[in-house]
PDB file of N, CA and C in Angstrom:
ATOM      1  N   MET A   1      37.449 -35.653  34.545  1.00  0.00           N
ATOM      2  CA  MET A   1      37.070 -34.294  34.116  1.00  0.00           C
ATOM      3  C   MET A   1      38.427 -33.477  34.394  1.00  0.00           C
ATOM      4  N   ASP A   2      38.735 -32.708  33.239  1.00  0.00           N
ATOM      5  CA  ASP A   2      39.555 -31.771  33.302  1.00  0.00           C
ATOM      6  C   ASP A   2      39.579 -30.677  34.743  1.00  0.00           C
ATOM      7  N   ILE A   3      40.784 -30.566  35.191  1.00  0.00           N
ATOM      8  CA  ILE A   3      40.614 -29.345  36.141  1.00  0.00           C
ATOM      9  C   ILE A   3      40.010 -28.090  35.938  1.00  0.00           C
ATOM     10  N   LYS A   4      40.485 -27.657  34.698  1.00  0.00           N
ATOM     11  CA  LYS A   4      39.918 -26.181  34.372  1.00  0.00           C
ATOM     12  C   LYS A   4      38.449 -26.449  34.018  1.00  0.00           C
ATOM     13  N   LYS A   5      38.165 -27.390  33.535  1.00  0.00           N
ATOM     14  CA  LYS A   5      36.547 -27.665  33.466  1.00  0.00           C
ATOM     15  C   LYS A   5      35.781 -27.716  34.561  1.00  0.00           C
ATOM     16  N   LEU A   6      36.344 -28.438  35.621  1.00  0.00           N
ATOM     17  CA  LEU A   6      35.881 -28.739  36.901  1.00  0.00           C
ATOM     18  C   LEU A   6      35.689 -27.376  37.627  1.00  0.00           C
ATOM     19  N   ALA A   7      36.746 -26.429  37.715  1.00  0.00           N
ATOM     20  CA  ALA A   7      37.059 -25.219  38.110  1.00  0.00           C
ATOM     21  C   ALA A   7      35.749 -24.342  37.848  1.00  0.00           C
ATOM     22  N   GLU A   8      35.664 -24.558  36.483  1.00  0.00           N
ATOM     23  CA  GLU A   8      34.608 -23.541  35.912  1.00  0.00           C
ATOM     24  C   GLU A   8      33.100 -23.825  36.611  1.00  0.00           C
ATOM     25  N   THR A   9      32.924 -25.003  36.800  1.00  0.00           N
ATOM     26  CA  THR A   9      31.567 -25.485  37.353  1.00  0.00           C
ATOM     27  C   THR A   9      31.317 -25.257  38.795  1.00  0.00           C
ATOM     28  N   LEU A  10      32.230 -24.921  39.648  1.00  0.00           N
ATOM     29  CA  LEU A  10      32.299 -24.864  41.016  1.00  0.00           C
ATOM     30  C   LEU A  10      31.278 -23.795  41.367  1.00  0.00           C
ATOM     31  N   HIS A  11      30.506 -24.165  42.196  1.00  0.00           N
ATOM     32  CA  HIS A  11      29.544 -23.247  42.857  1.00  0.00           C
ATOM     33  C   HIS A  11      30.121 -22.265  43.808  1.00  0.00           C
ATOM     34  N   PRO A  12      29.656 -21.124  44.049  1.00  0.00           N
ATOM     35  CA  PRO A  12      30.437 -20.231  44.933  1.00  0.00           C
ATOM     36  C   PRO A  12      30.697 -20.750  46.257  1.00  0.00           C
ATOM     37  N   LEU A  13      29.769 -21.625  46.851  1.00  0.00           N
ATOM     38  CA  LEU A  13      29.826 -22.303  48.126  1.00  0.00           C
ATOM     39  C   LEU A  13      30.922 -23.356  48.157  1.00  0.00           C
ATOM     40  N   GLU A  14      31.049 -23.900  47.102  1.00  0.00           N
ATOM     41  CA  GLU A  14      32.234 -24.913  46.888  1.00  0.00           C
ATOM     42  C   GLU A  14      33.373 -24.442  46.701  1.00  0.00           C
ATOM     43  N   ARG A  15      33.589 -23.181  46.176  1.00  0.00           N
ATOM     44  CA  ARG A  15      34.968 -22.280  46.165  1.00  0.00           C
ATOM     45  C   ARG A  15      35.148 -21.678  47.438  1.00  0.00           C
ATOM     46  N   LYS A  16      34.292 -21.717  48.274  1.00  0.00           N
ATOM     47  CA  LYS A  16      34.667 -21.148  49.808  1.00  0.00           C
ATOM     48  C   LYS A  16      35.377 -22.211  50.500  1.00  0.00           C
ATOM     49  N   VAL A  17      34.494 -23.329  50.467  1.00  0.00           N
ATOM     50  CA  VAL A  17      34.875 -24.563  51.168  1.00  0.00           C
ATOM     51  C   VAL A  17      36.257 -25.353  50.760  1.00  0.00           C
ATOM     52  N   LEU A  18      36.499 -25.256  49.404  1.00  0.00           N
ATOM     53  CA  LEU A  18      37.816 -26.034  48.996  1.00  0.00           C
ATOM     54  C   LEU A  18      38.994 -25.440  49.631  1.00  0.00           C
ATOM     55  N   PRO A  19      39.636 -24.165  49.813  1.00  0.00           N
ATOM     56  CA  PRO A  19      40.547 -23.823  50.473  1.00  0.00           C
ATOM     57  C   PRO A  19      40.579 -24.261  51.741  1.00  0.00           C
ATOM     58  N   VAL A  20      39.545 -24.019  52.590  1.00  0.00           N
ATOM     59  CA  VAL A  20      39.499 -24.493  53.895  1.00  0.00           C
ATOM     60  C   VAL A  20      39.766 -25.860  54.142  1.00  0.00           C
ATOM     61  N   LEU A  21      39.129 -26.972  53.134  1.00  0.00           N
ATOM     62  CA  LEU A  21      39.368 -28.432  53.060  1.00  0.00           C
ATOM     63  C   LEU A  21      41.001 -28.568  53.054  1.00  0.00           C
ATOM     64  N   ALA A  22      41.615 -27.758  52.360  1.00  0.00           N
ATOM     65  CA  ALA A  22      43.087 -28.067  52.472  1.00  0.00           C
ATOM     66  C   ALA A  22      43.807 -28.011  53.834  1.00  0.00           C
ATOM     67  N   LYS A  23      42.987 -27.392  54.697  1.00  0.00           N
ATOM     68  CA  LYS A  23      43.619 -27.167  55.904  1.00  0.00           C
ATOM     69  C   LYS A  23      43.131 -27.988  57.224  1.00  0.00           C
ATOM     70  N   THR A  24      41.843 -28.423  56.848  1.00  0.00           N
ATOM     71  CA  THR A  24      41.103 -29.317  57.900  1.00  0.00           C
ATOM     72  C   THR A  24      40.069 -29.858  57.402  1.00  0.00           C
ATOM     73  N   SER A  25      39.750 -31.193  57.892  1.00  0.00           N
ATOM     74  CA  SER A  25      38.709 -31.974  57.226  1.00  0.00           C
ATOM     75  C   SER A  25      37.487 -32.046  58.480  1.00  0.00           C
ATOM     76  N   SER A  26      37.673 -31.353  59.462  1.00  0.00           N
ATOM     77  CA  SER A  26      36.700 -31.301  60.379  1.00  0.00           C
ATOM     78  C   SER A  26      35.434 -30.548  60.082  1.00  0.00           C
ATOM     79  N   PHE A  27      34.250 -31.075  60.179  1.00  0.00           N
ATOM     80  CA  PHE A  27      33.091 -29.999  59.941  1.00  0.00           C
ATOM     81  C   PHE A  27      32.975 -29.023  60.544  1.00  0.00           C
ATOM     82  N   SER A  28      33.139 -29.058  62.018  1.00  0.00           N
ATOM     83  CA  SER A  28      32.998 -27.827  62.600  1.00  0.00           C
ATOM     84  C   SER A  28      34.172 -26.735  62.511  1.00  0.00           C
ATOM     85  N   GLU A  29      35.203 -27.356  61.936  1.00  0.00           N
ATOM     86  CA  GLU A  29      36.344 -26.336  61.615  1.00  0.00           C
ATOM     87  C   GLU A  29      35.900 -25.644  60.394  1.00  0.00           C
ATOM     88  N   LEU A  30      35.561 -26.483  59.293  1.00  0.00           N
ATOM     89  CA  LEU A  30      34.821 -26.044  58.115  1.00  0.00           C
ATOM     90  C   LEU A  30      34.086 -24.856  58.301  1.00  0.00           C
ATOM     91  N   ILE A  31      33.325 -24.993  58.948  1.00  0.00           N
ATOM     92  CA  ILE A  31      31.895 -24.098  59.483  1.00  0.00           C
ATOM     93  C   ILE A  31      32.626 -22.696  59.832  1.00  0.00           C
ATOM     94  N   LYS A  32      33.577 -22.789  60.668  1.00  0.00           N
ATOM     95  CA  LYS A  32      34.202 -21.867  61.638  1.00  0.00           C
ATOM     96  C   LYS A  32      35.119 -21.085  60.822  1.00  0.00           C
ATOM     97  N   HIS A  33      35.915 -21.667  59.723  1.00  0.00           N
ATOM     98  CA  HIS A  33      36.733 -20.952  58.956  1.00  0.00           C
ATOM     99  C   HIS A  33      36.302 -20.641  57.608  1.00  0.00           C
ATOM    100  N   SER A  34      35.197 -21.192  56.856  1.00  0.00           N
ATOM    101  CA  SER A  34      34.756 -20.659  55.790  1.00  0.00           C
ATOM    102  C   SER A  34      33.615 -19.467  56.044  1.00  0.00           C
ATOM    103  N   GLY A  35      33.151 -19.480  57.247  1.00  0.00           N
ATOM    104  CA  GLY A  35      32.097 -18.263  57.495  1.00  0.00           C
ATOM    105  C   GLY A  35      30.780 -18.647  56.913  1.00  0.00           C
ATOM    106  N   LEU A  36      30.522 -20.106  56.558  1.00  0.00           N
ATOM    107  CA  LEU A  36      29.417 -20.457  55.944  1.00  0.00           C
ATOM    108  C   LEU A  36      28.569 -21.300  57.114  1.00  0.00           C
ATOM    109  N   LYS A  37      27.263 -21.250  56.803  1.00  0.00           N
ATOM    110  CA  LYS A  37      26.312 -21.827  57.931  1.00  0.00           C
ATOM    111  C   LYS A  37      26.338 -23.525  57.636  1.00  0.00           C
ATOM    112  N   ASP A  38      26.131 -24.177  58.661  1.00  0.00           N
ATOM    113  CA  ASP A  38      26.376 -25.578  58.620  1.00  0.00           C
ATOM    114  C   ASP A  38      25.746 -26.368  57.097  1.00  0.00           C
ATOM    115  N   VAL A  39      24.560 -25.690  57.156  1.00  0.00           N
ATOM    116  CA  VAL A  39      23.789 -26.250  55.942  1.00  0.00           C
ATOM    117  C   VAL A  39      24.537 -26.097  54.671  1.00  0.00           C
ATOM    118  N   GLU A  40      25.119 -24.908  54.534  1.00  0.00           N
ATOM    119  CA  GLU A  40      25.903 -24.452  53.570  1.00  0.00           C
ATOM    120  C   GLU A  40      27.070 -25.335  53.325  1.00  0.00           C
ATOM    121  N   VAL A  41      27.779 -25.671  54.089  1.00  0.00           N
ATOM    122  CA  VAL A  41      29.070 -26.329  54.199  1.00  0.00           C
ATOM    123  C   VAL A  41      28.642 -27.803  53.723  1.00  0.00           C
ATOM    124  N   MET A  42      27.639 -28.381  54.329  1.00  0.00           N
ATOM    125  CA  MET A  42      27.115 -29.623  53.965  1.00  0.00           C
ATOM    126  C   MET A  42      26.673 -29.756  52.503  1.00  0.00           C
ATOM    127  N   ARG A  43      26.108 -28.846  51.926  1.00  0.00           N
ATOM    128  CA  ARG A  43      25.414 -28.741  50.550  1.00  0.00           C
ATOM    129  C   ARG A  43      26.896 -28.651  49.604  1.00  0.00           C
ATOM    130  N   ALA A  44      27.767 -27.936  49.987  1.00  0.00           N
ATOM    131  CA  ALA A  44      28.924 -27.849  49.350  1.00  0.00           C
ATOM    132  C   ALA A  44      29.685 -29.056  48.973  1.00  0.00           C
ATOM    133  N   LEU A  45      29.983 -29.604  50.301  1.00  0.00           N
ATOM    134  CA  LEU A  45      30.666 -31.011  50.422  1.00  0.00           C
ATOM    135  C   LEU A  45      29.811 -32.150  49.730  1.00  0.00           C
ATOM    136  N   GLN A  46      28.715 -32.170  49.423  1.00  0.00           N
ATOM    137  CA  GLN A  46      27.632 -33.130  48.792  1.00  0.00           C
ATOM    138  C   GLN A  46      27.885 -32.880  47.239  1.00  0.00           C
ATOM    139  N   TRP A  47      27.775 -31.693  47.023  1.00  0.00           N
ATOM    140  CA  TRP A  47      28.277 -31.257  45.575  1.00  0.00           C
ATOM    141  C   TRP A  47      29.635 -31.819  45.197  1.00  0.00           C
ATOM    142  N   LEU A  48      30.689 -31.454  45.902  1.00  0.00           N
ATOM    143  CA  LEU A  48      31.992 -31.734  45.766  1.00  0.00           C
ATOM    144  C   LEU A  48      32.166 -33.286  45.537  1.00  0.00           C
ATOM    145  N   GLN A  49      31.400 -34.136  46.504  1.00  0.00           N
ATOM    146  CA  GLN A  49      31.318 -35.482  46.510  1.00  0.00           C
ATOM    147  C   GLN A  49      30.841 -35.752  44.972  1.00  0.00           C
ATOM    148  N   ASN A  50      29.767 -35.135  44.692  1.00  0.00           N
ATOM    149  CA  ASN A  50      29.209 -35.622  43.444  1.00  0.00           C
ATOM    150  C   ASN A  50      29.919 -35.640  42.349  1.00  0.00           C
ATOM    151  N   LYS A  51      30.722 -34.733  42.326  1.00  0.00           N
ATOM    152  CA  LYS A  51      31.719 -34.307  41.323  1.00  0.00           C
ATOM    153  C   LYS A  51      33.082 -35.020  41.153  1.00  0.00           C
ATOM    154  N   GLY A  52      33.176 -36.037  42.306  1.00  0.00           N
ATOM    155  CA  GLY A  52      34.375 -36.781  42.502  1.00  0.00           C
ATOM    156  C   GLY A  52      35.594 -36.064  42.977  1.00  0.00           C
ATOM    157  N   VAL A  53      35.289 -35.114  43.620  1.00  0.00           N
ATOM    158  CA  VAL A  53      36.359 -34.204  44.141  1.00  0.00           C
ATOM    159  C   VAL A  53      36.732 -34.556  45.694  1.00  0.00           C
ATOM    160  N   VAL A  54      35.697 -34.858  46.396  1.00  0.00           N
ATOM    161  CA  VAL A  54      36.025 -35.475  47.926  1.00  0.00           C
ATOM    162  C   VAL A  54      35.184 -36.474  48.297  1.00  0.00           C
ATOM    163  N   LYS A  55      35.455 -37.117  48.978  1.00  0.00           N
ATOM    164  CA  LYS A  55      34.780 -38.535  49.661  1.00  0.00           C
ATOM    165  C   LYS A  55      34.331 -38.056  51.063  1.00  0.00           C
ATOM    166  N   LEU A  56      33.055 -37.984  51.237  1.00  0.00           N
ATOM    167  CA  LEU A  56      32.551 -37.907  52.663  1.00  0.00           C
ATOM    168  C   LEU A  56      32.606 -39.123  53.554  1.00  0.00           C
ATOM    169  N   LYS A  57      32.862 -38.923  54.758  1.00  0.00           N
ATOM    170  CA  LYS A  57      32.922 -40.158  55.692  1.00  0.00           C
ATOM    171  C   LYS A  57      31.940 -39.909  56.838  1.00  0.00           C
ATOM    172  N   ASP A  58      30.980 -40.532  57.151  1.00  0.00           N
ATOM    173  CA  ASP A  58      30.122 -40.162  58.190  1.00  0.00           C
ATOM    174  C   ASP A  58      30.535 -40.879  59.365  1.00  0.00           C
ATOM    175  N   GLU A  59      30.639 -40.210  60.419  1.00  0.00           N
ATOM    176  CA  GLU A  59      30.926 -40.924  61.688  1.00  0.00           C
ATOM    177  C   GLU A  59      29.962 -40.464  62.662  1.00  0.00           C
ATOM    178  N   THR A  60      29.187 -41.308  63.508  1.00  0.00           N
ATOM    179  CA  THR A  60      28.238 -41.243  64.664  1.00  0.00           C
ATOM    180  C   THR A  60      28.934 -41.243  65.926  1.00  0.00           C
ATOM    181  N   LYS A  61      28.729 -40.199  66.526  1.00  0.00           N
ATOM    182  CA  LYS A  61      29.357 -39.990  67.993  1.00  0.00           C
ATOM    183  C   LYS A  61      28.298 -40.020  68.830  1.00  0.00           C
ATOM    184  N   GLN A  62      28.117 -40.975  69.958  1.00  0.00           N
ATOM    185  CA  GLN A  62      27.060 -40.981  71.093  1.00  0.00           C
ATOM    186  C   GLN A  62      27.732 -40.136  72.256  1.00  0.00           C
ATOM    187  N   VAL A  63      26.940 -39.221  72.762  1.00  0.00           N
ATOM    188  CA  VAL A  63      27.543 -38.347  73.840  1.00  0.00           C
ATOM    189  C   VAL A  63      26.430 -38.662  75.095  1.00  0.00           C
ATOM    190  N   ILE A  64      26.713 -39.068  76.156  1.00  0.00           N
ATOM    191  CA  ILE A  64      26.062 -39.205  77.450  1.00  0.00           C
ATOM    192  C   ILE A  64      26.161 -38.128  78.116  1.00  0.00           C
ATOM    193  N   SER A  65      25.283 -37.452  79.020  1.00  0.00           N
ATOM    194  CA  SER A  65      25.483 -36.400  79.701  1.00  0.00           C
ATOM    195  C   SER A  65      24.668 -36.855  81.017  1.00  0.00           C
ATOM    196  N   PHE A  66      24.944 -36.181  82.182  1.00  0.00           N
ATOM    197  CA  PHE A  66      24.161 -36.328  83.346  1.00  0.00           C
ATOM    198  C   PHE A  66      23.095 -35.325  83.569  1.00  0.00           C
ATOM    199  N   ASP A  67      21.856 -35.869  83.942  1.00  0.00           N
ATOM    200  CA  ASP A  67      20.971 -34.859  84.435  1.00  0.00           C
ATOM    201  C   ASP A  67      21.193 -34.170  85.580  1.00  0.00           C
ATOM    202  N   LYS A  68      20.405 -33.315  86.254  1.00  0.00           N
ATOM    203  CA  LYS A  68      20.586 -32.853  87.437  1.00  0.00           C
ATOM    204  C   LYS A  68      21.062 -33.663  88.621  1.00  0.00           C
ATOM    205  N   ASN A  69      20.215 -34.782  88.855  1.00  0.00           N
ATOM    206  CA  ASN A  69      20.514 -35.766  89.858  1.00  0.00           C
ATOM    207  C   ASN A  69      21.926 -36.334  89.418  1.00  0.00           C
ATOM    208  N   GLY A  70      22.048 -36.701  88.385  1.00  0.00           N
ATOM    209  CA  GLY A  70      23.538 -37.641  88.101  1.00  0.00           C
ATOM    210  C   GLY A  70      24.762 -36.823  88.286  1.00  0.00           C
ATOM    211  N   GLU A  71      24.524 -35.299  88.081  1.00  0.00           N
ATOM    212  CA  GLU A  71      25.652 -34.312  88.439  1.00  0.00           C
ATOM    213  C   GLU A  71      25.703 -34.415  89.838  1.00  0.00           C
ATOM    214  N   GLN A  72      24.603 -34.216  90.679  1.00  0.00           N
ATOM    215  CA  GLN A  72      24.882 -34.289  92.200  1.00  0.00           C
ATOM    216  C   GLN A  72      25.326 -35.674  92.684  1.00  0.00           C
ATOM    217  N   TYR A  73      24.937 -36.834  92.129  1.00  0.00           N
ATOM    218  CA  TYR A  73      25.507 -38.070  92.551  1.00  0.00           C
ATOM    219  C   TYR A  73      27.149 -38.069  92.257  1.00  0.00           C
ATOM    220  N   ALA A  74      27.450 -37.676  91.057  1.00  0.00           N
ATOM    221  CA  ALA A  74      28.771 -37.578  90.664  1.00  0.00           C
ATOM    222  C   ALA A  74      29.768 -36.778  91.495  1.00  0.00           C
ATOM    223  N   LYS A  75      29.143 -35.630  91.982  1.00  0.00           N
ATOM    224  CA  LYS A  75      29.742 -34.953  92.882  1.00  0.00           C
ATOM    225  C   LYS A  75      29.875 -35.503  94.469  1.00  0.00           C
ATOM    226  N   GLN A  76      28.701 -35.737  95.065  1.00  0.00           N
ATOM    227  CA  GLN A  76      28.831 -36.221  96.353  1.00  0.00           C
ATOM    228  C   GLN A  76      28.912 -37.777  96.522  1.00  0.00           C
ATOM    229  N   GLY A  77      28.668 -38.450  95.452  1.00  0.00           N
ATOM    230  CA  GLY A  77      28.713 -39.896  95.587  1.00  0.00           C
ATOM    231  C   GLY A  77      27.144 -40.482  95.694  1.00  0.00           C
ATOM    232  N   LEU A  78      26.996 -41.834  95.627  1.00  0.00           N
ATOM    233  CA  LEU A  78      25.785 -42.616  95.729  1.00  0.00           C
ATOM    234  C   LEU A  78      25.443 -42.410  97.214  1.00  0.00           C
ATOM    235  N   PRO A  79      23.948 -42.478  97.583  1.00  0.00           N
ATOM    236  CA  PRO A  79      23.723 -42.380  99.001  1.00  0.00           C
ATOM    237  C   PRO A  79      23.814 -43.827  99.500  1.00  0.00           C
TER     238      PRO A  79
END
Protein backbone atom coordinates (compact mmCIF):
# COMPACT_ATOMS: atom_id res chain seq x y z
CA MET A 1 0.00 0.00 0.00
CA ASP A 2 1.18 3.50 -0.83
CA ILE A 3 2.27 5.53 2.22
CA LYS A 4 0.09 8.47 1.23
CA LYS A 5 -2.97 6.24 0.89
CA LEU A 6 -2.14 4.55 4.17
CA ALA A 7 -1.83 7.89 5.95
CA GLU A 8 -5.25 8.90 4.67
CA THR A 9 -6.81 5.75 6.14
CA LEU A 10 -5.38 6.15 9.65
CA HIS A 11 -7.84 6.52 12.50
CA PRO A 12 -7.18 9.35 15.00
CA LEU A 13 -6.11 6.79 17.62
CA GLU A 14 -3.57 5.33 15.20
CA ARG A 15 -2.27 8.83 14.50
CA LYS A 16 -1.69 9.40 18.23
CA VAL A 17 0.06 6.07 18.79
CA LEU A 18 2.40 6.09 15.77
CA PRO A 19 4.65 8.99 16.87
CA VAL A 20 5.02 7.45 20.33
CA LEU A 21 5.89 4.09 18.76
CA ALA A 22 8.92 5.74 17.20
CA LYS A 23 10.22 6.35 20.74
CA THR A 24 9.15 3.23 22.64
CA SER A 25 7.54 -0.15 22.11
CA SER A 26 6.53 -0.67 25.73
CA PHE A 27 2.75 -0.90 26.12
CA SER A 28 2.75 0.98 29.43
CA GLU A 29 4.95 3.72 27.94
CA LEU A 30 2.64 4.00 24.93
CA ILE A 31 -0.29 4.58 27.27
CA LYS A 32 1.66 7.11 29.35
CA HIS A 33 3.02 9.18 26.45
CA SER A 34 0.02 9.02 24.13
CA GLY A 35 -2.46 10.14 26.76
CA LEU A 36 -4.83 7.38 25.66
CA LYS A 37 -6.53 4.66 27.69
CA ASP A 38 -5.08 1.16 27.54
CA VAL A 39 -8.00 -0.14 25.48
CA GLU A 40 -7.56 2.72 22.98
CA VAL A 41 -3.85 2.00 22.58
CA MET A 42 -4.52 -1.72 22.13
CA ARG A 43 -7.22 -1.03 19.55
CA ALA A 44 -4.93 1.32 17.61
CA LEU A 45 -2.12 -1.25 17.67
CA GLN A 46 -4.43 -3.98 16.40
CA TRP A 47 -5.64 -1.75 13.57
CA LEU A 48 -2.04 -0.90 12.66
CA GLN A 49 -1.18 -4.60 12.67
CA ASN A 50 -4.15 -5.35 10.40
CA LYS A 51 -2.81 -2.73 7.99
CA GLY A 52 0.65 -4.30 8.08
CA VAL A 53 2.28 -1.30 9.73
CA VAL A 54 3.34 -3.02 12.97
CA LYS A 55 3.70 -6.53 14.29
CA LEU A 56 2.50 -7.20 17.82
CA LYS A 57 4.45 -9.53 20.06
CA ASP A 58 2.58 -10.93 23.05
CA GLU A 59 4.66 -11.77 26.11
CA THR A 60 3.20 -13.23 29.28
CA LYS A 61 4.81 -12.31 32.55
CA GLN A 62 4.11 -14.23 35.76
CA VAL A 63 4.29 -12.25 38.97
CA ILE A 64 4.29 -13.87 42.36
CA SER A 65 3.77 -11.82 45.49
CA PHE A 66 3.70 -12.56 49.20
CA ASP A 67 0.52 -12.44 51.21
CA LYS A 68 0.55 -11.08 54.77
CA ASN A 69 2.09 -14.26 56.25
CA GLY A 70 4.67 -14.51 53.48
CA GLU A 71 5.85 -10.95 54.10
CA GLN A 72 6.18 -11.69 57.82
CA TYR A 73 8.18 -14.88 57.20
CA ALA A 74 10.40 -13.11 54.69
CA LYS A 75 11.25 -10.41 57.24
CA GLN A 76 11.56 -12.56 60.35
CA GLY A 77 12.48 -15.93 58.92
CA LEU A 78 10.60 -19.18 59.21
CA PRO A 79 9.66 -20.43 62.71
